[in-house]
Amino acid sequence: MPMHDLIATAGVAAQVILTLTFVSAAVAKIRHTGELIGVVQNYRLLPAWAVEPSARLLPWAELAVAASVPLLAPAGAIAGGLLLTLFGIAMAVNLRRGRAHIDCGCGQSALTQRLRWGLVWRNFGLLLLVPLAALPPHALSWSDLCNGLAFGLAIQLLLISTNSLLALGPAAASRGRRIRVLGGHA
């Protein structure tokens, strides 16, 4: 595979990962708007009058970014990068303030997650995908396009699974040490 096709395939994968990241976060936030208002308020970064409108607008902004990543390269990818940066900074500010006890509001699972530096680094890691996702469209073979889609989907599923496992935390892991198996005990 020529290098330009490999880079274009990686760009498709990056677009899939960013798009699905924003779609899954937005859908969870839409489903739990009441809680999201509290999460935004807990960050203590906005004036009181801006908390509720910002919380109500946020998931729709994420959906707009998700739609724009594959359709409006490079602008969509850059918009996604700006949101990831904004979220990473908001988490870092609260961690520096000693406020690790608040929910991150990431919305990638129904599980509440406390702030931690790993979430900040995850956002900045996703930022590394922005230049690939921002590449101008390149004609790919169906095989290369399918490879990019499959790779992006696989990485996104890995990210969602890891996020959910980390949200469960060590307390949940210790509760689950004894797993009941049909017909016996593990």
Protein backbone atom coordinates (compact mmCIF):
# COMPACT_ATOMS: atom_id res chain seq x y z
CA MET A 1 0.00 0.00 0.00
CA PRO A 2 1.47 3.38 -0.98
CA MET A 3 2.21 5.75 1.90
CA HIS A 4 -0.41 8.32 0.81
CA ASP A 5 -3.09 5.58 0.83
CA LEU A 6 -1.96 4.43 4.28
CA ILE A 7 -2.15 7.99 5.61
CA ALA A 8 -5.58 8.50 4.02
CA THR A 9 -6.81 5.22 5.56
CA ALA A 10 -5.53 6.39 8.96
CA GLY A 11 -7.39 9.67 8.35
CA VAL A 12 -10.64 7.76 7.86
CA ALA A 13 -10.00 5.87 11.10
CA ALA A 14 -9.32 9.14 12.93
CA GLN A 15 -12.55 10.62 11.59
CA VAL A 16 -14.49 7.57 12.77
CA ILE A 17 -12.95 7.73 16.25
CA LEU A 18 -13.61 11.46 16.70
CA THR A 19 -17.11 11.25 15.24
CA LEU A 20 -18.16 8.35 17.45
CA THR A 21 -16.53 9.93 20.50
CA PHE A 22 -18.67 13.04 20.10
CA VAL A 23 -21.84 11.12 19.16
CA SER A 24 -21.65 8.81 22.18
CA ALA A 25 -20.88 11.70 24.54
CA ALA A 26 -23.71 13.82 23.12
CA VAL A 27 -26.31 11.07 23.27
CA ALA A 28 -25.50 10.32 26.91
CA LYS A 29 -25.67 14.03 27.76
CA ILE A 30 -29.01 14.45 26.00
CA ARG A 31 -30.40 11.48 27.93
CA HIS A 32 -29.21 12.96 31.23
CA THR A 33 -29.60 16.72 30.76
CA GLY A 34 -30.69 17.27 34.37
CA GLU A 35 -27.52 15.68 35.70
CA LEU A 36 -25.43 17.50 33.10
CA ILE A 37 -26.57 20.86 34.46
CA GLY A 38 -25.23 19.80 37.86
CA VAL A 39 -21.98 18.56 36.34
CA VAL A 40 -21.39 21.85 34.52
CA GLN A 41 -22.20 23.73 37.72
CA ASN A 42 -19.76 21.58 39.72
CA TYR A 43 -16.88 22.61 37.47
CA ARG A 44 -17.27 26.15 38.84
CA LEU A 45 -15.92 27.73 35.66
CA LEU A 46 -19.00 29.60 34.42
CA PRO A 47 -21.10 32.34 35.98
CA ALA A 48 -24.36 30.98 37.46
CA TRP A 49 -26.50 32.49 34.69
CA ALA A 50 -24.50 30.61 32.01
CA VAL A 51 -24.56 27.12 33.55
CA GLU A 52 -27.96 25.87 32.38
CA PRO A 53 -27.84 27.33 28.84
CA SER A 54 -24.31 25.95 28.39
CA ALA A 55 -25.32 22.50 29.64
CA ARG A 56 -28.33 22.42 27.32
CA LEU A 57 -26.28 23.59 24.31
CA LEU A 58 -23.25 21.35 24.89
CA PRO A 59 -24.61 18.02 23.58
CA TRP A 60 -25.99 19.70 20.47
CA ALA A 61 -22.61 21.31 19.85
CA GLU A 62 -21.02 17.87 20.20
CA LEU A 63 -23.49 16.42 17.67
CA ALA A 64 -22.75 19.27 15.26
CA VAL A 65 -19.02 18.59 15.61
CA ALA A 66 -19.61 14.85 15.13
CA ALA A 67 -21.46 15.51 11.87
CA SER A 68 -18.89 18.02 10.67
CA VAL A 69 -15.79 15.86 11.25
CA PRO A 70 -16.36 13.59 8.22
CA LEU A 71 -18.30 16.14 6.15
CA LEU A 72 -16.37 19.37 6.57
CA ALA A 73 -12.69 18.48 6.70
CA PRO A 74 -10.63 20.18 8.02
CA ALA A 75 -13.04 22.55 9.83
CA GLY A 76 -14.95 19.75 11.59
CA ALA A 77 -11.80 18.13 12.91
CA ILE A 78 -10.48 21.47 14.11
CA ALA A 79 -13.80 22.18 15.90
CA GLY A 80 -13.53 18.75 17.55
CA GLY A 81 -9.98 19.57 18.60
CA LEU A 82 -11.16 22.82 20.15
CA LEU A 83 -13.85 21.03 22.17
CA LEU A 84 -11.38 18.37 23.33
CA THR A 85 -8.96 21.10 24.38
CA LEU A 86 -11.69 23.01 26.22
CA PHE A 87 -12.77 19.87 28.09
CA GLY A 88 -9.18 18.92 28.92
CA ILE A 89 -8.44 22.38 30.28
CA ALA A 90 -11.65 22.40 32.36
CA MET A 91 -10.71 19.04 33.91
CA ALA A 92 -7.10 20.12 34.52
CA VAL A 93 -8.18 23.36 36.20
CA ASN A 94 -10.42 21.46 38.60
CA LEU A 95 -7.79 18.83 39.32
CA ARG A 96 -5.28 21.60 40.11
CA ARG A 97 -7.90 23.08 42.45
CA GLY A 98 -8.06 19.73 44.27
CA ARG A 99 -11.57 18.97 42.97
CA ALA A 100 -11.05 15.39 41.78
CA HIS A 101 -14.28 14.32 43.50
CA ILE A 102 -16.59 15.82 40.84
CA ASP A 103 -18.02 13.91 37.88
CA CYS A 104 -16.08 14.49 34.66
CA GLY A 105 -19.27 14.72 32.61
CA CYS A 106 -17.62 12.83 29.79
CA GLY A 107 -20.91 11.11 29.04
CA GLN A 108 -19.38 8.07 27.38
CA SER A 109 -21.14 5.74 29.74
CA ALA A 110 -23.95 5.92 32.22
CA LEU A 111 -21.34 5.57 34.95
CA THR A 112 -20.20 8.56 36.96
CA GLN A 113 -16.47 9.16 36.69
CA ARG A 114 -14.45 11.26 39.04
CA LEU A 115 -11.92 13.60 37.50
CA ARG A 116 -8.44 12.18 37.08
CA TRP A 117 -5.38 13.10 35.08
CA GLY A 118 -5.90 10.06 32.86
CA LEU A 119 -9.03 11.71 31.45
CA VAL A 120 -7.10 14.88 30.69
CA TRP A 121 -4.42 12.85 28.91
CA ARG A 122 -7.09 10.88 27.04
CA ASN A 123 -8.48 14.14 25.64
CA PHE A 124 -5.05 15.36 24.64
CA GLY A 125 -4.35 11.92 23.13
CA LEU A 126 -7.50 12.26 21.03
CA LEU A 127 -6.14 15.63 19.91
CA LEU A 128 -3.35 13.74 18.14
CA LEU A 129 -6.02 12.40 15.77
CA VAL A 130 -7.13 15.87 14.66
CA PRO A 131 -4.39 16.40 12.02
CA LEU A 132 -5.18 13.00 10.48
CA ALA A 133 -8.93 13.63 10.55
CA ALA A 134 -8.38 17.07 9.00
CA LEU A 135 -6.64 15.71 5.92
CA PRO A 136 -8.32 16.67 2.67
CA PRO A 137 -10.41 13.88 1.12
CA HIS A 138 -8.40 11.34 -0.85
CA ALA A 139 -9.84 8.78 -3.22
CA LEU A 140 -9.43 5.40 -1.56
CA SER A 141 -10.20 1.92 -2.76
CA TRP A 142 -13.19 0.24 -1.14
CA SER A 143 -10.77 -2.04 0.67
CA ASP A 144 -8.78 0.86 2.15
CA LEU A 145 -11.97 2.72 3.08
CA CYS A 146 -13.37 -0.38 4.82
CA ASN A 147 -10.04 -0.91 6.61
CA GLY A 148 -10.13 2.69 7.89
CA LEU A 149 -13.73 2.34 9.05
CA ALA A 150 -13.07 -1.02 10.74
CA PHE A 151 -9.89 0.20 12.45
CA GLY A 152 -11.61 3.38 13.67
CA LEU A 153 -14.57 1.41 14.99
CA ALA A 154 -12.31 -1.10 16.75
CA ILE A 155 -10.31 1.66 18.46
CA GLN A 156 -13.52 3.45 19.47
CA LEU A 157 -14.92 0.26 21.02
CA LEU A 158 -11.64 -0.17 22.90
CA LEU A 159 -11.87 3.42 24.18
CA ILE A 160 -15.49 2.99 25.30
CA SER A 161 -14.69 -0.32 27.02
CA THR A 162 -11.66 1.13 28.79
CA ASN A 163 -13.64 4.21 29.83
CA SER A 164 -16.40 2.03 31.29
CA LEU A 165 -13.96 -0.21 33.15
CA LEU A 166 -12.14 2.80 34.60
CA ALA A 167 -15.48 4.32 35.63
CA LEU A 168 -16.26 1.18 37.60
CA GLY A 169 -13.11 1.77 39.63
CA PRO A 170 -11.28 -0.48 42.05
CA ALA A 171 -14.21 -0.76 44.48
CA ALA A 172 -16.44 -2.31 41.81
CA ALA A 173 -13.62 -4.60 40.69
CA SER A 174 -13.18 -5.94 44.22
CA ARG A 175 -16.94 -6.52 44.56
CA GLY A 176 -16.88 -8.54 41.34
CA ARG A 177 -14.10 -10.95 42.31
CA ARG A 178 -16.54 -13.74 42.97
CA ILE A 179 -18.36 -14.38 39.74
CA ARG A 180 -21.20 -16.83 39.79
CA VAL A 181 -21.06 -19.30 36.93
CA LEU A 182 -24.05 -21.38 35.86
CA GLY A 183 -23.87 -24.68 37.63
CA GLY A 184 -21.15 -23.68 40.07
CA HIS A 185 -18.91 -21.00 41.49
CA ALA A 186 -15.85 -19.36 40.10
